[in-house]
Amino acid sequence: MLTVLNLPPSEIDALAMDDYWFWCEVAEREVQRRNERQQHLLDAM
């Protein structure tokens, strides 16, 4: 979450568990989106 969503450690530490898992899922979707975009760009070369 730190590098994908640019959330500082203090904000991550302050999250309630439900919010923590929500943002973990958001970060995972963002990583997948970035990987798919990178693969699409590589395939276009």
PDB file of N, CA and C in Angstrom:
ATOM      1  N   MET A   1       0.827  -1.187   0.000  1.00  0.00           N
ATOM      2  CA  MET A   1       0.000   0.000   0.000  1.00  0.00           C
ATOM      3  C   MET A   1       0.869   1.248   0.000  1.00  0.00           C
ATOM      4  N   LEU A   2       1.985   1.134   0.645  1.00  0.00           N
ATOM      5  CA  LEU A   2       2.892   2.268   0.741  1.00  0.00           C
ATOM      6  C   LEU A   2       3.324   2.748  -0.638  1.00  0.00           C
ATOM      7  N   THR A   3       3.763   1.845  -1.482  1.00  0.00           N
ATOM      8  CA  THR A   3       4.278   2.254  -2.786  1.00  0.00           C
ATOM      9  C   THR A   3       3.202   2.339  -3.860  1.00  0.00           C
ATOM     10  N   VAL A   4       2.169   1.529  -3.766  1.00  0.00           N
ATOM     11  CA  VAL A   4       1.136   1.525  -4.804  1.00  0.00           C
ATOM     12  C   VAL A   4       0.175   2.683  -4.628  1.00  0.00           C
ATOM     13  N   LEU A   5      -0.272   2.906  -3.413  1.00  0.00           N
ATOM     14  CA  LEU A   5      -1.277   3.944  -3.165  1.00  0.00           C
ATOM     15  C   LEU A   5      -0.691   5.211  -2.549  1.00  0.00           C
ATOM     16  N   ASN A   6       0.612   5.197  -2.315  1.00  0.00           N
ATOM     17  CA  ASN A   6       1.296   6.351  -1.721  1.00  0.00           C
ATOM     18  C   ASN A   6       0.714   6.732  -0.356  1.00  0.00           C
ATOM     19  N   LEU A   7       0.311   5.721   0.406  1.00  0.00           N
ATOM     20  CA  LEU A   7      -0.150   5.973   1.773  1.00  0.00           C
ATOM     21  C   LEU A   7       1.060   5.949   2.698  1.00  0.00           C
ATOM     22  N   PRO A   8       1.252   6.994   3.503  1.00  0.00           N
ATOM     23  CA  PRO A   8       2.385   6.992   4.426  1.00  0.00           C
ATOM     24  C   PRO A   8       2.175   5.952   5.535  1.00  0.00           C
ATOM     25  N   PRO A   9       3.267   5.448   6.097  1.00  0.00           N
ATOM     26  CA  PRO A   9       3.155   4.428   7.146  1.00  0.00           C
ATOM     27  C   PRO A   9       2.254   4.832   8.308  1.00  0.00           C
ATOM     28  N   SER A  10       2.264   6.092   8.673  1.00  0.00           N
ATOM     29  CA  SER A  10       1.421   6.526   9.792  1.00  0.00           C
ATOM     30  C   SER A  10      -0.061   6.366   9.472  1.00  0.00           C
ATOM     31  N   GLU A  11      -0.452   6.587   8.221  1.00  0.00           N
ATOM     32  CA  GLU A  11      -1.855   6.399   7.832  1.00  0.00           C
ATOM     33  C   GLU A  11      -2.214   4.918   7.771  1.00  0.00           C
ATOM     34  N   ILE A  12      -1.288   4.105   7.286  1.00  0.00           N
ATOM     35  CA  ILE A  12      -1.532   2.660   7.238  1.00  0.00           C
ATOM     36  C   ILE A  12      -1.691   2.128   8.660  1.00  0.00           C
ATOM     37  N   ASP A  13      -0.828   2.561   9.536  1.00  0.00           N
ATOM     38  CA  ASP A  13      -0.860   2.117  10.932  1.00  0.00           C
ATOM     39  C   ASP A  13      -2.157   2.515  11.628  1.00  0.00           C
ATOM     40  N   ALA A  14      -2.727   3.641  11.234  1.00  0.00           N
ATOM     41  CA  ALA A  14      -3.928   4.145  11.894  1.00  0.00           C
ATOM     42  C   ALA A  14      -5.223   3.508  11.370  1.00  0.00           C
ATOM     43  N   LEU A  15      -5.141   2.710  10.307  1.00  0.00           N
ATOM     44  CA  LEU A  15      -6.348   2.126   9.736  1.00  0.00           C
ATOM     45  C   LEU A  15      -6.952   1.054  10.634  1.00  0.00           C
ATOM     46  N   ALA A  16      -8.278   1.043  10.695  1.00  0.00           N
ATOM     47  CA  ALA A  16      -8.982  -0.067  11.348  1.00  0.00           C
ATOM     48  C   ALA A  16      -8.815  -1.292  10.451  1.00  0.00           C
ATOM     49  N   MET A  17      -8.951  -2.478  10.996  1.00  0.00           N
ATOM     50  CA  MET A  17      -8.715  -3.702  10.222  1.00  0.00           C
ATOM     51  C   MET A  17      -9.600  -3.778   8.981  1.00  0.00           C
ATOM     52  N   ASP A  18     -10.875  -3.420   9.093  1.00  0.00           N
ATOM     53  CA  ASP A  18     -11.755  -3.445   7.916  1.00  0.00           C
ATOM     54  C   ASP A  18     -11.233  -2.505   6.836  1.00  0.00           C
ATOM     55  N   ASP A  19     -10.811  -1.325   7.233  1.00  0.00           N
ATOM     56  CA  ASP A  19     -10.264  -0.367   6.272  1.00  0.00           C
ATOM     57  C   ASP A  19      -8.933  -0.851   5.707  1.00  0.00           C
ATOM     58  N   TYR A  20      -8.131  -1.483   6.554  1.00  0.00           N
ATOM     59  CA  TYR A  20      -6.847  -2.014   6.110  1.00  0.00           C
ATOM     60  C   TYR A  20      -7.052  -3.021   4.987  1.00  0.00           C
ATOM     61  N   TRP A  21      -7.957  -3.980   5.193  1.00  0.00           N
ATOM     62  CA  TRP A  21      -8.198  -5.003   4.177  1.00  0.00           C
ATOM     63  C   TRP A  21      -8.825  -4.407   2.930  1.00  0.00           C
ATOM     64  N   PHE A  22      -9.673  -3.393   3.086  1.00  0.00           N
ATOM     65  CA  PHE A  22     -10.232  -2.704   1.921  1.00  0.00           C
ATOM     66  C   PHE A  22      -9.111  -2.117   1.070  1.00  0.00           C
ATOM     67  N   TRP A  23      -8.171  -1.410   1.715  1.00  0.00           N
ATOM     68  CA  TRP A  23      -7.085  -0.774   0.967  1.00  0.00           C
ATOM     69  C   TRP A  23      -6.100  -1.795   0.422  1.00  0.00           C
ATOM     70  N   CYS A  24      -5.944  -2.937   1.084  1.00  0.00           N
ATOM     71  CA  CYS A  24      -5.126  -4.023   0.519  1.00  0.00           C
ATOM     72  C   CYS A  24      -5.724  -4.500  -0.790  1.00  0.00           C
ATOM     73  N   GLU A  25      -7.039  -4.656  -0.829  1.00  0.00           N
ATOM     74  CA  GLU A  25      -7.710  -5.087  -2.056  1.00  0.00           C
ATOM     75  C   GLU A  25      -7.587  -4.036  -3.152  1.00  0.00           C
ATOM     76  N   VAL A  26      -7.717  -2.768  -2.780  1.00  0.00           N
ATOM     77  CA  VAL A  26      -7.553  -1.682  -3.752  1.00  0.00           C
ATOM     78  C   VAL A  26      -6.137  -1.706  -4.321  1.00  0.00           C
ATOM     79  N   ALA A  27      -5.152  -1.881  -3.463  1.00  0.00           N
ATOM     80  CA  ALA A  27      -3.756  -1.919  -3.913  1.00  0.00           C
ATOM     81  C   ALA A  27      -3.526  -3.116  -4.828  1.00  0.00           C
ATOM     82  N   GLU A  28      -4.110  -4.260  -4.492  1.00  0.00           N
ATOM     83  CA  GLU A  28      -3.952  -5.451  -5.329  1.00  0.00           C
ATOM     84  C   GLU A  28      -4.557  -5.236  -6.711  1.00  0.00           C
ATOM     85  N   ARG A  29      -5.733  -4.623  -6.767  1.00  0.00           N
ATOM     86  CA  ARG A  29      -6.355  -4.326  -8.063  1.00  0.00           C
ATOM     87  C   ARG A  29      -5.502  -3.354  -8.867  1.00  0.00           C
ATOM     88  N   GLU A  30      -4.908  -2.381  -8.200  1.00  0.00           N
ATOM     89  CA  GLU A  30      -4.061  -1.410  -8.893  1.00  0.00           C
ATOM     90  C   GLU A  30      -2.815  -2.087  -9.459  1.00  0.00           C
ATOM     91  N   VAL A  31      -2.209  -2.988  -8.700  1.00  0.00           N
ATOM     92  CA  VAL A  31      -1.043  -3.722  -9.201  1.00  0.00           C
ATOM     93  C   VAL A  31      -1.435  -4.548 -10.419  1.00  0.00           C
ATOM     94  N   GLN A  32      -2.568  -5.220 -10.350  1.00  0.00           N
ATOM     95  CA  GLN A  32      -3.032  -6.006 -11.491  1.00  0.00           C
ATOM     96  C   GLN A  32      -3.285  -5.120 -12.707  1.00  0.00           C
ATOM     97  N   ARG A  33      -3.888  -3.962 -12.480  1.00  0.00           N
ATOM     98  CA  ARG A  33      -4.168  -3.031 -13.578  1.00  0.00           C
ATOM     99  C   ARG A  33      -2.866  -2.572 -14.227  1.00  0.00           C
ATOM    100  N   ARG A  34      -1.885  -2.243 -13.397  1.00  0.00           N
ATOM    101  CA  ARG A  34      -0.590  -1.791 -13.929  1.00  0.00           C
ATOM    102  C   ARG A  34       0.108  -2.908 -14.698  1.00  0.00           C
ATOM    103  N   ASN A  35       0.036  -4.131 -14.178  1.00  0.00           N
ATOM    104  CA  ASN A  35       0.654  -5.264 -14.869  1.00  0.00           C
ATOM    105  C   ASN A  35      -0.011  -5.508 -16.215  1.00  0.00           C
ATOM    106  N   GLU A  36      -1.335  -5.438 -16.258  1.00  0.00           N
ATOM    107  CA  GLU A  36      -2.055  -5.637 -17.515  1.00  0.00           C
ATOM    108  C   GLU A  36      -1.705  -4.548 -18.521  1.00  0.00           C
ATOM    109  N   ARG A  37      -1.609  -3.322 -18.049  1.00  0.00           N
ATOM    110  CA  ARG A  37      -1.250  -2.225 -18.944  1.00  0.00           C
ATOM    111  C   ARG A  37       0.167  -2.411 -19.483  1.00  0.00           C
ATOM    112  N   GLN A  38       1.091  -2.794 -18.608  1.00  0.00           N
ATOM    113  CA  GLN A  38       2.472  -3.018 -19.040  1.00  0.00           C
ATOM    114  C   GLN A  38       2.531  -4.150 -20.065  1.00  0.00           C
ATOM    115  N   GLN A  39       1.781  -5.221 -19.821  1.00  0.00           N
ATOM    116  CA  GLN A  39       1.770  -6.333 -20.756  1.00  0.00           C
ATOM    117  C   GLN A  39       1.184  -5.904 -22.098  1.00  0.00           C
ATOM    118  N   HIS A  40       0.138  -5.094 -22.049  1.00  0.00           N
ATOM    119  CA  HIS A  40      -0.474  -4.595 -23.283  1.00  0.00           C
ATOM    120  C   HIS A  40       0.525  -3.745 -24.075  1.00  0.00           C
ATOM    121  N   LEU A  41       1.271  -2.908 -23.387  1.00  0.00           N
ATOM    122  CA  LEU A  41       2.266  -2.077 -24.053  1.00  0.00           C
ATOM    123  C   LEU A  41       3.384  -2.928 -24.650  1.00  0.00           C
ATOM    124  N   LEU A  42       3.794  -3.958 -23.938  1.00  0.00           N
ATOM    125  CA  LEU A  42       4.843  -4.842 -24.458  1.00  0.00           C
ATOM    126  C   LEU A  42       4.351  -5.630 -25.661  1.00  0.00           C
ATOM    127  N   ASP A  43       3.092  -6.061 -25.617  1.00  0.00           N
ATOM    128  CA  ASP A  43       2.528  -6.813 -26.735  1.00  0.00           C
ATOM    129  C   ASP A  43       2.412  -5.953 -27.991  1.00  0.00           C
ATOM    130  N   ALA A  44       2.243  -4.652 -27.802  1.00  0.00           N
ATOM    131  CA  ALA A  44       2.075  -3.737 -28.929  1.00  0.00           C
ATOM    132  C   ALA A  44       3.406  -3.441 -29.631  1.00  0.00           C
ATOM    133  N   MET A  45       4.501  -3.815 -29.032  1.00  0.00           N
ATOM    134  CA  MET A  45       5.819  -3.518 -29.622  1.00  0.00           C
ATOM    135  C   MET A  45       6.170  -4.484 -30.715  1.00  0.00           C
TER     136      MET A  45
END
